[in-house]
Amino acid sequence: MDWTDKVILITGGTGSFGKKMTKILLEEKNPKKIIIFSRDELKQHEMRVAGFNDPRLRYFIGDVRDRERLTRALHGVDIVVHAAALKQVPACEYNPMEAVKTNIIGTSNVLEAALDAGGQKVLALSTDKAVSPANLYGGTKLVAEKLVIQSNAYAAGSATRYSCVRYGNVVGSRGSVVPLFLKQRGNGKITITDERMTRFWLSLEQGVHFVIHCIEQMEGGEVFVPKIPSTKVMDLARAIAPEAEIEIIGIRPGEKLHEDLLSADEARHTVELEDMYVIQPAEAFWFGYSWKDRGKSLPEGFTYTSANNTEWLDVEGIRQYIEPFEQAFANGMLEG
């Protein structure tokens, strides 16, 4: 795929993922233009001041809740990366309709505006919390996934195609537990909700490169799931603060012991490749089914969870992930 003639719009482009994707696209793919679409003028200003002032960049102030503004922003756009979301679990629980307005209605606005504008590809970011959701955030992302995939039914007669990427926790991203543990290290005590807890883990760079790869490969209708390692949260705490006391404070409402990336029901129409799983559309047959010829089917009852994963990071492996963030934290540059 040739990116040099492509115009890309990233919703939530001032977030951790959006900034990293912008940097990597500019350096590696040389697109014609990247539009940063977000609602916070201060974050856009800070992004410019931090060096994101390339002539190929454009900054649009707007909210995914505003379909009219999206329609204007998407004019002439070839690729949409939909990363905007309310993702803090406690905030979504306390402000449920706000999560619905951004994560569900906002996603619907993006999908419909892209179809009206004639964009070629829309890739939406999802989360492991969308599988068997235990909290409102996960529930809204599950609905968002369904909206994205089923929108291909409306787009089948056009050039527009919709797919999702679903992955786990991103090391050091805004809201990550890594900045919290780094702060707690200074007090000599790390708080963990349950000592049995496990999580999927990947770096921002891995997430961005996986998204780029999926954009290049997508046909529409797929949910792409990367094969990524698991970590024990206790090991993460030991990697960050080996001398600190660990206090078990009890699991929070809406929190899981283990995360899921692929359910047994989804596995029946999933194809396994060397580096990822591709969940094909379950109920429609527009397109997106050629993946069955590129990989292998999964056994009955297969699930992909952070507890049954075959790839694990030990304490030393975790340290390689978090070392870049320790210096950023020391310099006051790591976002919480």
C-alpha atoms as a PDB file:
ATOM      1  CA  MET A   1       0.000   0.000   0.000  1.00  0.00           C
ATOM      2  CA  ASP A   2       1.327   3.427  -0.980  1.00  0.00           C
ATOM      3  CA  TRP A   3       0.759   5.951   1.806  1.00  0.00           C
ATOM      4  CA  THR A   4       2.340   8.935   0.036  1.00  0.00           C
ATOM      5  CA  ASP A   5      -0.912  10.069  -1.604  1.00  0.00           C
ATOM      6  CA  LYS A   6      -3.110   9.355   1.436  1.00  0.00           C
ATOM      7  CA  VAL A   7      -4.880  11.823   3.714  1.00  0.00           C
ATOM      8  CA  ILE A   8      -5.314  10.373   7.217  1.00  0.00           C
ATOM      9  CA  LEU A   9      -7.543  11.608  10.018  1.00  0.00           C
ATOM     10  CA  ILE A  10      -6.960  10.470  13.606  1.00  0.00           C
ATOM     11  CA  THR A  11      -9.783  11.059  16.075  1.00  0.00           C
ATOM     12  CA  GLY A  12      -8.427  11.598  19.566  1.00  0.00           C
ATOM     13  CA  GLY A  13      -5.171  12.483  17.841  1.00  0.00           C
ATOM     14  CA  THR A  14      -3.674  14.327  20.826  1.00  0.00           C
ATOM     15  CA  GLY A  15      -3.767  11.197  23.018  1.00  0.00           C
ATOM     16  CA  SER A  16      -0.856   8.854  23.661  1.00  0.00           C
ATOM     17  CA  PHE A  17      -1.718   6.609  20.727  1.00  0.00           C
ATOM     18  CA  GLY A  18      -2.526   9.467  18.350  1.00  0.00           C
ATOM     19  CA  LYS A  19       0.776  11.228  18.951  1.00  0.00           C
ATOM     20  CA  LYS A  20       2.804   8.064  18.552  1.00  0.00           C
ATOM     21  CA  MET A  21       0.959   7.099  15.368  1.00  0.00           C
ATOM     22  CA  THR A  22       1.445  10.574  13.936  1.00  0.00           C
ATOM     23  CA  LYS A  23       5.178  10.426  14.624  1.00  0.00           C
ATOM     24  CA  ILE A  24       5.600   6.959  13.105  1.00  0.00           C
ATOM     25  CA  LEU A  25       3.492   7.745  10.020  1.00  0.00           C
ATOM     26  CA  LEU A  26       5.442  10.925   9.319  1.00  0.00           C
ATOM     27  CA  GLU A  27       8.790   9.183   9.730  1.00  0.00           C
ATOM     28  CA  GLU A  28       8.039   5.866   8.029  1.00  0.00           C
ATOM     29  CA  LYS A  29       5.135   6.310   5.593  1.00  0.00           C
ATOM     30  CA  ASN A  30       5.364   9.943   4.389  1.00  0.00           C
ATOM     31  CA  PRO A  31       1.614  10.512   3.935  1.00  0.00           C
ATOM     32  CA  LYS A  32       0.249  13.485   2.039  1.00  0.00           C
ATOM     33  CA  LYS A  33      -1.509  14.866   5.117  1.00  0.00           C
ATOM     34  CA  ILE A  34      -2.486  13.903   8.681  1.00  0.00           C
ATOM     35  CA  ILE A  35      -5.437  15.593  10.362  1.00  0.00           C
ATOM     36  CA  ILE A  36      -5.450  15.639  14.160  1.00  0.00           C
ATOM     37  CA  PHE A  37      -9.095  15.734  15.260  1.00  0.00           C
ATOM     38  CA  SER A  38      -9.695  16.387  18.956  1.00  0.00           C
ATOM     39  CA  ARG A  39     -11.737  18.605  21.254  1.00  0.00           C
ATOM     40  CA  ASP A  40      -9.012  20.123  23.464  1.00  0.00           C
ATOM     41  CA  GLU A  41      -7.274  23.217  22.069  1.00  0.00           C
ATOM     42  CA  LEU A  42      -4.669  23.135  24.861  1.00  0.00           C
ATOM     43  CA  LYS A  43      -3.562  19.589  23.996  1.00  0.00           C
ATOM     44  CA  GLN A  44      -3.317  20.569  20.332  1.00  0.00           C
ATOM     45  CA  HIS A  45      -1.192  23.580  21.274  1.00  0.00           C
ATOM     46  CA  GLU A  46       1.019  21.433  23.506  1.00  0.00           C
ATOM     47  CA  MET A  47       1.390  18.908  20.685  1.00  0.00           C
ATOM     48  CA  ARG A  48       2.606  21.646  18.337  1.00  0.00           C
ATOM     49  CA  VAL A  49       5.010  23.008  20.950  1.00  0.00           C
ATOM     50  CA  ALA A  50       6.364  19.485  21.509  1.00  0.00           C
ATOM     51  CA  GLY A  51       7.518  19.420  17.870  1.00  0.00           C
ATOM     52  CA  PHE A  52       4.454  18.225  15.989  1.00  0.00           C
ATOM     53  CA  ASN A  53       4.570  21.163  13.565  1.00  0.00           C
ATOM     54  CA  ASP A  54       5.295  19.312  10.335  1.00  0.00           C
ATOM     55  CA  PRO A  55       3.743  21.018   7.267  1.00  0.00           C
ATOM     56  CA  ARG A  56       1.867  17.787   6.545  1.00  0.00           C
ATOM     57  CA  LEU A  57      -0.092  18.170   9.809  1.00  0.00           C
ATOM     58  CA  ARG A  58      -3.466  19.868  10.239  1.00  0.00           C
ATOM     59  CA  TYR A  59      -5.267  20.456  13.541  1.00  0.00           C
ATOM     60  CA  PHE A  60      -9.054  20.318  13.691  1.00  0.00           C
ATOM     61  CA  ILE A  61     -10.881  21.189  16.911  1.00  0.00           C
ATOM     62  CA  GLY A  62     -14.012  19.088  17.118  1.00  0.00           C
ATOM     63  CA  ASP A  63     -15.837  16.414  19.082  1.00  0.00           C
ATOM     64  CA  VAL A  64     -16.885  13.028  17.731  1.00  0.00           C
ATOM     65  CA  ARG A  65     -20.288  13.791  19.252  1.00  0.00           C
ATOM     66  CA  ASP A  66     -20.672  16.515  16.585  1.00  0.00           C
ATOM     67  CA  ARG A  67     -21.457  14.762  13.307  1.00  0.00           C
ATOM     68  CA  GLU A  68     -21.601  18.006  11.327  1.00  0.00           C
ATOM     69  CA  ARG A  69     -18.051  18.899  12.346  1.00  0.00           C
ATOM     70  CA  LEU A  70     -16.884  15.373  11.508  1.00  0.00           C
ATOM     71  CA  THR A  71     -18.454  15.626   8.053  1.00  0.00           C
ATOM     72  CA  ARG A  72     -16.462  18.802   7.414  1.00  0.00           C
ATOM     73  CA  ALA A  73     -13.215  17.317   8.786  1.00  0.00           C
ATOM     74  CA  LEU A  74     -13.550  14.107   6.747  1.00  0.00           C
ATOM     75  CA  HIS A  75     -13.821  15.847   3.386  1.00  0.00           C
ATOM     76  CA  GLY A  76     -11.095  14.396   1.161  1.00  0.00           C
ATOM     77  CA  VAL A  77      -9.897  11.922   3.822  1.00  0.00           C
ATOM     78  CA  ASP A  78      -8.783   8.462   2.665  1.00  0.00           C
ATOM     79  CA  ILE A  79      -8.110   6.712   6.003  1.00  0.00           C
ATOM     80  CA  VAL A  80      -9.732   7.258   9.404  1.00  0.00           C
ATOM     81  CA  VAL A  81      -8.145   5.928  12.584  1.00  0.00           C
ATOM     82  CA  HIS A  82     -10.797   6.211  15.284  1.00  0.00           C
ATOM     83  CA  ALA A  83      -8.972   6.428  18.622  1.00  0.00           C
ATOM     84  CA  ALA A  84     -11.187   8.928  20.473  1.00  0.00           C
ATOM     85  CA  ALA A  85     -12.878   7.468  23.543  1.00  0.00           C
ATOM     86  CA  LEU A  86     -13.654   7.931  27.196  1.00  0.00           C
ATOM     87  CA  LYS A  87     -11.655   5.059  28.633  1.00  0.00           C
ATOM     88  CA  GLN A  88     -11.170   5.589  32.369  1.00  0.00           C
ATOM     89  CA  VAL A  89     -13.286   2.850  33.976  1.00  0.00           C
ATOM     90  CA  PRO A  90     -14.257   4.749  37.172  1.00  0.00           C
ATOM     91  CA  ALA A  91     -15.110   7.908  35.192  1.00  0.00           C
ATOM     92  CA  CYS A  92     -17.301   5.923  32.805  1.00  0.00           C
ATOM     93  CA  GLU A  93     -19.063   4.232  35.729  1.00  0.00           C
ATOM     94  CA  TYR A  94     -19.823   7.571  37.383  1.00  0.00           C
ATOM     95  CA  ASN A  95     -20.742   9.348  34.132  1.00  0.00           C
ATOM     96  CA  PRO A  96     -22.419   6.571  32.132  1.00  0.00           C
ATOM     97  CA  MET A  97     -24.265   8.698  29.582  1.00  0.00           C
ATOM     98  CA  GLU A  98     -21.104  10.638  28.809  1.00  0.00           C
ATOM     99  CA  ALA A  99     -19.384   7.345  27.965  1.00  0.00           C
ATOM    100  CA  VAL A 100     -22.348   6.367  25.788  1.00  0.00           C
ATOM    101  CA  LYS A 101     -22.321   9.714  23.973  1.00  0.00           C
ATOM    102  CA  THR A 102     -18.614   9.534  23.125  1.00  0.00           C
ATOM    103  CA  ASN A 103     -17.910   5.822  22.736  1.00  0.00           C
ATOM    104  CA  ILE A 104     -21.170   4.727  21.077  1.00  0.00           C
ATOM    105  CA  ILE A 105     -22.860   7.761  19.507  1.00  0.00           C
ATOM    106  CA  GLY A 106     -19.472   9.299  18.679  1.00  0.00           C
ATOM    107  CA  THR A 107     -18.395   6.101  16.931  1.00  0.00           C
ATOM    108  CA  SER A 108     -21.659   6.032  14.973  1.00  0.00           C
ATOM    109  CA  ASN A 109     -21.028   9.627  13.882  1.00  0.00           C
ATOM    110  CA  VAL A 110     -17.535   8.753  12.665  1.00  0.00           C
ATOM    111  CA  LEU A 111     -18.814   5.763  10.690  1.00  0.00           C
ATOM    112  CA  GLU A 112     -21.667   7.632   9.009  1.00  0.00           C
ATOM    113  CA  ALA A 113     -19.609  10.738   8.258  1.00  0.00           C
ATOM    114  CA  ALA A 114     -16.893   8.562   6.687  1.00  0.00           C
ATOM    115  CA  LEU A 115     -19.445   6.848   4.465  1.00  0.00           C
ATOM    116  CA  ASP A 116     -20.937  10.184   3.392  1.00  0.00           C
ATOM    117  CA  ALA A 117     -17.457  11.558   2.658  1.00  0.00           C
ATOM    118  CA  GLY A 118     -16.481   8.512   0.597  1.00  0.00           C
ATOM    119  CA  GLY A 119     -13.430   7.569   2.657  1.00  0.00           C
ATOM    120  CA  GLN A 120     -11.676   4.332   1.772  1.00  0.00           C
ATOM    121  CA  LYS A 121     -10.853   2.772   5.137  1.00  0.00           C
ATOM    122  CA  VAL A 122     -11.941   3.247   8.746  1.00  0.00           C
ATOM    123  CA  LEU A 123     -10.086   1.367  11.474  1.00  0.00           C
ATOM    124  CA  ALA A 124     -11.427   1.708  15.016  1.00  0.00           C
ATOM    125  CA  LEU A 125      -9.438   0.943  18.166  1.00  0.00           C
ATOM    126  CA  SER A 126     -11.058  -1.380  20.670  1.00  0.00           C
ATOM    127  CA  THR A 127      -9.978  -3.088  23.872  1.00  0.00           C
ATOM    128  CA  ASP A 128      -9.861  -6.437  25.614  1.00  0.00           C
ATOM    129  CA  LYS A 129     -12.506  -5.015  27.964  1.00  0.00           C
ATOM    130  CA  ALA A 130     -15.049  -5.309  25.115  1.00  0.00           C
ATOM    131  CA  VAL A 131     -14.976  -9.127  25.475  1.00  0.00           C
ATOM    132  CA  SER A 132     -17.462 -10.327  28.106  1.00  0.00           C
ATOM    133  CA  PRO A 133     -17.528  -6.783  29.525  1.00  0.00           C
ATOM    134  CA  ALA A 134     -17.602  -6.356  33.291  1.00  0.00           C
ATOM    135  CA  ASN A 135     -17.907  -2.553  33.292  1.00  0.00           C
ATOM    136  CA  LEU A 136     -19.632   0.213  31.348  1.00  0.00           C
ATOM    137  CA  TYR A 137     -16.487   1.158  29.437  1.00  0.00           C
ATOM    138  CA  GLY A 138     -16.193  -2.393  28.113  1.00  0.00           C
ATOM    139  CA  GLY A 139     -19.899  -2.421  27.298  1.00  0.00           C
ATOM    140  CA  THR A 140     -19.652   0.767  25.249  1.00  0.00           C
ATOM    141  CA  LYS A 141     -16.649  -0.578  23.347  1.00  0.00           C
ATOM    142  CA  LEU A 142     -18.496  -3.827  22.616  1.00  0.00           C
ATOM    143  CA  VAL A 143     -21.360  -1.827  21.097  1.00  0.00           C
ATOM    144  CA  ALA A 144     -18.846   0.339  19.199  1.00  0.00           C
ATOM    145  CA  GLU A 145     -17.256  -2.799  17.721  1.00  0.00           C
ATOM    146  CA  LYS A 146     -20.659  -4.072  16.574  1.00  0.00           C
ATOM    147  CA  LEU A 147     -21.426  -0.707  14.980  1.00  0.00           C
ATOM    148  CA  VAL A 148     -18.102  -0.688  13.120  1.00  0.00           C
ATOM    149  CA  ILE A 149     -18.396  -4.211  11.738  1.00  0.00           C
ATOM    150  CA  GLN A 150     -22.082  -4.008  10.813  1.00  0.00           C
ATOM    151  CA  SER A 151     -21.536  -0.674   9.031  1.00  0.00           C
ATOM    152  CA  ASN A 152     -19.999  -2.703   6.216  1.00  0.00           C
ATOM    153  CA  ALA A 153     -23.557  -3.747   5.326  1.00  0.00           C
ATOM    154  CA  TYR A 154     -24.347  -0.112   4.461  1.00  0.00           C
ATOM    155  CA  ALA A 155     -20.995   0.404   2.727  1.00  0.00           C
ATOM    156  CA  ALA A 156     -20.981  -2.751   0.618  1.00  0.00           C
ATOM    157  CA  GLY A 157     -21.918  -0.842  -2.516  1.00  0.00           C
ATOM    158  CA  SER A 158     -19.285   1.836  -1.963  1.00  0.00           C
ATOM    159  CA  ALA A 159     -15.529   2.021  -1.519  1.00  0.00           C
ATOM    160  CA  THR A 160     -15.684   2.517   2.253  1.00  0.00           C
ATOM    161  CA  ARG A 161     -14.597  -0.366   4.492  1.00  0.00           C
ATOM    162  CA  TYR A 162     -14.703  -0.690   8.282  1.00  0.00           C
ATOM    163  CA  SER A 163     -12.609  -2.868  10.621  1.00  0.00           C
ATOM    164  CA  CYS A 164     -11.468  -2.953  14.275  1.00  0.00           C
ATOM    165  CA  VAL A 165      -8.265  -3.606  16.152  1.00  0.00           C
ATOM    166  CA  ARG A 166      -8.663  -5.075  19.641  1.00  0.00           C
ATOM    167  CA  TYR A 167      -5.691  -5.218  22.001  1.00  0.00           C
ATOM    168  CA  GLY A 168      -4.700  -5.025  25.647  1.00  0.00           C
ATOM    169  CA  ASN A 169      -3.064  -2.549  28.012  1.00  0.00           C
ATOM    170  CA  VAL A 170      -0.539  -0.164  26.514  1.00  0.00           C
ATOM    171  CA  VAL A 171       2.590   0.423  28.606  1.00  0.00           C
ATOM    172  CA  GLY A 172       2.837   4.009  29.817  1.00  0.00           C
ATOM    173  CA  SER A 173      -0.216   5.302  27.970  1.00  0.00           C
ATOM    174  CA  ARG A 174      -2.481   7.893  29.561  1.00  0.00           C
ATOM    175  CA  GLY A 175      -4.264   6.124  32.414  1.00  0.00           C
ATOM    176  CA  SER A 176      -1.795   3.233  32.526  1.00  0.00           C
ATOM    177  CA  VAL A 177      -0.913   1.664  35.863  1.00  0.00           C
ATOM    178  CA  VAL A 178       2.799   2.258  35.142  1.00  0.00           C
ATOM    179  CA  PRO A 179       2.783   5.978  36.083  1.00  0.00           C
ATOM    180  CA  LEU A 180       0.768   5.116  39.204  1.00  0.00           C
ATOM    181  CA  PHE A 181       3.293   2.508  40.324  1.00  0.00           C
ATOM    182  CA  LEU A 182       6.172   4.885  39.592  1.00  0.00           C
ATOM    183  CA  LYS A 183       4.541   7.517  41.814  1.00  0.00           C
ATOM    184  CA  GLN A 184       3.839   4.998  44.564  1.00  0.00           C
ATOM    185  CA  ARG A 185       7.436   3.771  44.454  1.00  0.00           C
ATOM    186  CA  GLY A 186       8.506   7.049  46.043  1.00  0.00           C
ATOM    187  CA  ASN A 187       6.276   6.305  49.038  1.00  0.00           C
ATOM    188  CA  GLY A 188       7.632   2.790  49.441  1.00  0.00           C
ATOM    189  CA  LYS A 189       4.239   1.119  49.029  1.00  0.00           C
ATOM    190  CA  ILE A 190       2.522  -0.291  45.899  1.00  0.00           C
ATOM    191  CA  THR A 191      -1.235  -0.932  45.994  1.00  0.00           C
ATOM    192  CA  ILE A 192      -2.611  -3.904  44.040  1.00  0.00           C
ATOM    193  CA  THR A 193      -6.252  -4.905  43.973  1.00  0.00           C
ATOM    194  CA  ASP A 194      -5.678  -8.676  43.751  1.00  0.00           C
ATOM    195  CA  GLU A 195      -2.424 -10.643  43.736  1.00  0.00           C
ATOM    196  CA  ARG A 196      -3.788 -13.123  41.149  1.00  0.00           C
ATOM    197  CA  MET A 197      -4.427 -10.461  38.521  1.00  0.00           C
ATOM    198  CA  THR A 198      -2.981 -10.770  34.987  1.00  0.00           C
ATOM    199  CA  ARG A 199      -3.054  -8.423  32.005  1.00  0.00           C
ATOM    200  CA  PHE A 200      -2.124  -8.389  28.327  1.00  0.00           C
ATOM    201  CA  TRP A 201       0.685  -5.966  27.587  1.00  0.00           C
ATOM    202  CA  LEU A 202       2.199  -4.158  24.594  1.00  0.00           C
ATOM    203  CA  SER A 203       4.120  -0.977  23.882  1.00  0.00           C
ATOM    204  CA  LEU A 204       2.772   2.060  22.059  1.00  0.00           C
ATOM    205  CA  GLU A 205       5.130   1.354  19.161  1.00  0.00           C
ATOM    206  CA  GLN A 206       3.841  -2.206  18.884  1.00  0.00           C
ATOM    207  CA  GLY A 207       0.252  -0.984  18.942  1.00  0.00           C
ATOM    208  CA  VAL A 208       0.840   1.636  16.253  1.00  0.00           C
ATOM    209  CA  HIS A 209       2.725  -0.714  13.937  1.00  0.00           C
ATOM    210  CA  PHE A 210       0.005  -3.324  14.353  1.00  0.00           C
ATOM    211  CA  VAL A 211      -2.668  -0.762  13.431  1.00  0.00           C
ATOM    212  CA  ILE A 212      -0.696   0.303  10.355  1.00  0.00           C
ATOM    213  CA  HIS A 213      -0.289  -3.339   9.320  1.00  0.00           C
ATOM    214  CA  CYS A 214      -4.037  -3.930   9.727  1.00  0.00           C
ATOM    215  CA  ILE A 215      -4.932  -0.861   7.666  1.00  0.00           C
ATOM    216  CA  GLU A 216      -2.763  -2.205   4.888  1.00  0.00           C
ATOM    217  CA  GLN A 217      -4.357  -5.671   5.090  1.00  0.00           C
ATOM    218  CA  MET A 218      -8.020  -4.997   5.938  1.00  0.00           C
ATOM    219  CA  GLU A 219     -10.857  -5.861   3.600  1.00  0.00           C
ATOM    220  CA  GLY A 220     -13.654  -4.728   5.918  1.00  0.00           C
ATOM    221  CA  GLY A 221     -15.532  -6.625   8.600  1.00  0.00           C
ATOM    222  CA  GLU A 222     -12.550  -8.003  10.513  1.00  0.00           C
ATOM    223  CA  VAL A 223     -11.605  -7.596  14.150  1.00  0.00           C
ATOM    224  CA  PHE A 224      -7.822  -7.931  14.350  1.00  0.00           C
ATOM    225  CA  VAL A 225      -6.320  -9.274  17.586  1.00  0.00           C
ATOM    226  CA  PRO A 226      -2.518  -9.289  18.009  1.00  0.00           C
ATOM    227  CA  LYS A 227      -0.655 -12.057  19.780  1.00  0.00           C
ATOM    228  CA  ILE A 228       0.889 -10.238  22.725  1.00  0.00           C
ATOM    229  CA  PRO A 229       2.425 -11.341  26.032  1.00  0.00           C
ATOM    230  CA  SER A 230       0.737 -11.472  29.426  1.00  0.00           C
ATOM    231  CA  THR A 231       2.075 -10.158  32.701  1.00  0.00           C
ATOM    232  CA  LYS A 232       1.263 -10.851  36.322  1.00  0.00           C
ATOM    233  CA  VAL A 233       0.491  -7.522  37.982  1.00  0.00           C
ATOM    234  CA  MET A 234       2.562  -8.646  40.980  1.00  0.00           C
ATOM    235  CA  ASP A 235       5.550  -9.072  38.642  1.00  0.00           C
ATOM    236  CA  LEU A 236       4.909  -5.611  37.207  1.00  0.00           C
ATOM    237  CA  ALA A 237       5.027  -4.149  40.711  1.00  0.00           C
ATOM    238  CA  ARG A 238       8.260  -6.025  41.490  1.00  0.00           C
ATOM    239  CA  ALA A 239       9.808  -4.823  38.223  1.00  0.00           C
ATOM    240  CA  ILE A 240       9.024  -1.181  39.004  1.00  0.00           C
ATOM    241  CA  ALA A 241       9.606  -1.151  42.770  1.00  0.00           C
ATOM    242  CA  PRO A 242      11.412  -4.303  43.939  1.00  0.00           C
ATOM    243  CA  GLU A 243      11.982  -2.905  47.437  1.00  0.00           C
ATOM    244  CA  ALA A 244       8.483  -1.535  47.984  1.00  0.00           C
ATOM    245  CA  GLU A 245       5.847  -3.038  50.246  1.00  0.00           C
ATOM    246  CA  ILE A 246       2.853  -4.441  48.358  1.00  0.00           C
ATOM    247  CA  GLU A 247      -0.590  -3.764  49.822  1.00  0.00           C
ATOM    248  CA  ILE A 248      -3.577  -5.791  48.564  1.00  0.00           C
ATOM    249  CA  ILE A 249      -6.607  -3.464  48.614  1.00  0.00           C
ATOM    250  CA  GLY A 250      -9.335  -5.628  47.033  1.00  0.00           C
ATOM    251  CA  ILE A 251     -10.722  -5.842  43.535  1.00  0.00           C
ATOM    252  CA  ARG A 252     -12.667  -2.765  42.381  1.00  0.00           C
ATOM    253  CA  PRO A 253     -16.177  -2.735  40.886  1.00  0.00           C
ATOM    254  CA  GLY A 254     -16.045  -3.565  37.185  1.00  0.00           C
ATOM    255  CA  GLU A 255     -12.500  -4.938  37.365  1.00  0.00           C
ATOM    256  CA  LYS A 256     -11.581  -8.410  36.118  1.00  0.00           C
ATOM    257  CA  LEU A 257      -8.945 -10.771  37.465  1.00  0.00           C
ATOM    258  CA  HIS A 258      -7.962 -11.647  33.889  1.00  0.00           C
ATOM    259  CA  GLU A 259      -8.646 -10.012  30.542  1.00  0.00           C
ATOM    260  CA  ASP A 260     -10.062 -11.634  27.406  1.00  0.00           C
ATOM    261  CA  LEU A 261      -9.103 -10.888  23.823  1.00  0.00           C
ATOM    262  CA  LEU A 262     -11.011 -13.691  22.112  1.00  0.00           C
ATOM    263  CA  SER A 263     -14.112 -15.529  23.337  1.00  0.00           C
ATOM    264  CA  ALA A 264     -15.090 -19.134  22.627  1.00  0.00           C
ATOM    265  CA  ASP A 265     -18.065 -17.973  20.554  1.00  0.00           C
ATOM    266  CA  GLU A 266     -15.867 -15.716  18.422  1.00  0.00           C
ATOM    267  CA  ALA A 267     -13.273 -18.462  17.991  1.00  0.00           C
ATOM    268  CA  ARG A 268     -15.662 -20.410  15.753  1.00  0.00           C
ATOM    269  CA  HIS A 269     -15.263 -17.814  13.005  1.00  0.00           C
ATOM    270  CA  THR A 270     -11.677 -16.780  13.748  1.00  0.00           C
ATOM    271  CA  VAL A 271      -8.542 -17.494  11.728  1.00  0.00           C
ATOM    272  CA  GLU A 272      -5.163 -17.846  13.437  1.00  0.00           C
ATOM    273  CA  LEU A 273      -2.079 -16.409  11.736  1.00  0.00           C
ATOM    274  CA  GLU A 274       1.503 -16.350  12.964  1.00  0.00           C
ATOM    275  CA  ASP A 275       1.250 -12.950  14.646  1.00  0.00           C
ATOM    276  CA  MET A 276      -2.486 -12.391  15.128  1.00  0.00           C
ATOM    277  CA  TYR A 277      -6.042 -13.701  15.158  1.00  0.00           C
ATOM    278  CA  VAL A 278      -8.546 -12.399  12.612  1.00  0.00           C
ATOM    279  CA  ILE A 279     -12.183 -12.525  13.726  1.00  0.00           C
ATOM    280  CA  GLN A 280     -14.296 -12.709  10.583  1.00  0.00           C
ATOM    281  CA  PRO A 281     -17.861 -11.330  10.407  1.00  0.00           C
ATOM    282  CA  ALA A 282     -20.231 -13.725  12.144  1.00  0.00           C
ATOM    283  CA  GLU A 283     -23.606 -12.919  10.650  1.00  0.00           C
ATOM    284  CA  ALA A 284     -23.049 -11.336   7.244  1.00  0.00           C
ATOM    285  CA  PHE A 285     -21.251 -12.337   4.104  1.00  0.00           C
ATOM    286  CA  TRP A 286     -20.327  -9.119   2.355  1.00  0.00           C
ATOM    287  CA  PHE A 287     -16.529  -9.506   2.377  1.00  0.00           C
ATOM    288  CA  GLY A 288     -13.682 -10.195   4.804  1.00  0.00           C
ATOM    289  CA  TYR A 289     -13.804 -13.972   4.393  1.00  0.00           C
ATOM    290  CA  SER A 290     -10.670 -14.590   2.355  1.00  0.00           C
ATOM    291  CA  TRP A 291      -8.700 -14.818   5.631  1.00  0.00           C
ATOM    292  CA  LYS A 292      -9.806 -18.441   6.014  1.00  0.00           C
ATOM    293  CA  ASP A 293      -7.396 -19.333   3.214  1.00  0.00           C
ATOM    294  CA  ARG A 294      -4.442 -17.574   4.883  1.00  0.00           C
ATOM    295  CA  GLY A 295      -4.478 -19.190   8.322  1.00  0.00           C
ATOM    296  CA  LYS A 296      -5.907 -22.030  10.354  1.00  0.00           C
ATOM    297  CA  SER A 297      -9.141 -22.538  12.239  1.00  0.00           C
ATOM    298  CA  LEU A 298      -9.223 -22.665  16.029  1.00  0.00           C
ATOM    299  CA  PRO A 299     -10.274 -25.710  18.080  1.00  0.00           C
ATOM    300  CA  GLU A 300     -13.746 -25.797  19.607  1.00  0.00           C
ATOM    301  CA  GLY A 301     -13.900 -23.927  22.894  1.00  0.00           C
ATOM    302  CA  PHE A 302     -10.694 -21.953  22.282  1.00  0.00           C
ATOM    303  CA  THR A 303     -10.289 -18.720  24.230  1.00  0.00           C
ATOM    304  CA  TYR A 304      -7.462 -16.211  24.356  1.00  0.00           C
ATOM    305  CA  THR A 305      -7.098 -14.704  27.829  1.00  0.00           C
ATOM    306  CA  SER A 306      -4.324 -13.119  29.826  1.00  0.00           C
ATOM    307  CA  ALA A 307      -4.430 -16.175  32.104  1.00  0.00           C
ATOM    308  CA  ASN A 308      -4.163 -18.932  29.463  1.00  0.00           C
ATOM    309  CA  ASN A 309      -1.669 -17.130  27.244  1.00  0.00           C
ATOM    310  CA  THR A 310       1.374 -19.100  26.094  1.00  0.00           C
ATOM    311  CA  GLU A 311       3.648 -16.028  26.109  1.00  0.00           C
ATOM    312  CA  TRP A 312       4.584 -14.346  29.392  1.00  0.00           C
ATOM    313  CA  LEU A 313       6.849 -11.524  30.464  1.00  0.00           C
ATOM    314  CA  ASP A 314       8.910 -12.179  33.578  1.00  0.00           C
ATOM    315  CA  VAL A 315      10.224  -9.392  35.792  1.00  0.00           C
ATOM    316  CA  GLU A 316      13.257  -8.830  33.560  1.00  0.00           C
ATOM    317  CA  GLY A 317      11.114  -8.822  30.442  1.00  0.00           C
ATOM    318  CA  ILE A 318       8.759  -6.275  31.997  1.00  0.00           C
ATOM    319  CA  ARG A 319      11.684  -4.020  32.889  1.00  0.00           C
ATOM    320  CA  GLN A 320      12.625  -3.743  29.222  1.00  0.00           C
ATOM    321  CA  TYR A 321       9.155  -2.343  28.559  1.00  0.00           C
ATOM    322  CA  ILE A 322       9.103   0.162  31.393  1.00  0.00           C
ATOM    323  CA  GLU A 323      12.694   1.471  31.334  1.00  0.00           C
ATOM    324  CA  PRO A 324      11.933   4.162  28.697  1.00  0.00           C
ATOM    325  CA  PHE A 325       9.164   5.514  30.919  1.00  0.00           C
ATOM    326  CA  GLU A 326      11.252   5.769  34.082  1.00  0.00           C
ATOM    327  CA  GLN A 327      13.375   8.591  32.634  1.00  0.00           C
ATOM    328  CA  ALA A 328      10.270  10.318  31.272  1.00  0.00           C
ATOM    329  CA  PHE A 329       8.687  10.045  34.710  1.00  0.00           C
ATOM    330  CA  ALA A 330      11.793  11.431  36.375  1.00  0.00           C
ATOM    331  CA  ASN A 331      11.652  14.427  34.005  1.00  0.00           C
ATOM    332  CA  GLY A 332       7.948  14.981  34.677  1.00  0.00           C
ATOM    333  CA  MET A 333       7.031  14.059  31.094  1.00  0.00           C
ATOM    334  CA  LEU A 334       5.051  10.851  31.662  1.00  0.00           C
ATOM    335  CA  GLU A 335       1.310  11.367  31.504  1.00  0.00           C
ATOM    336  CA  GLY A 336      -0.827   9.796  34.192  1.00  0.00           C
END
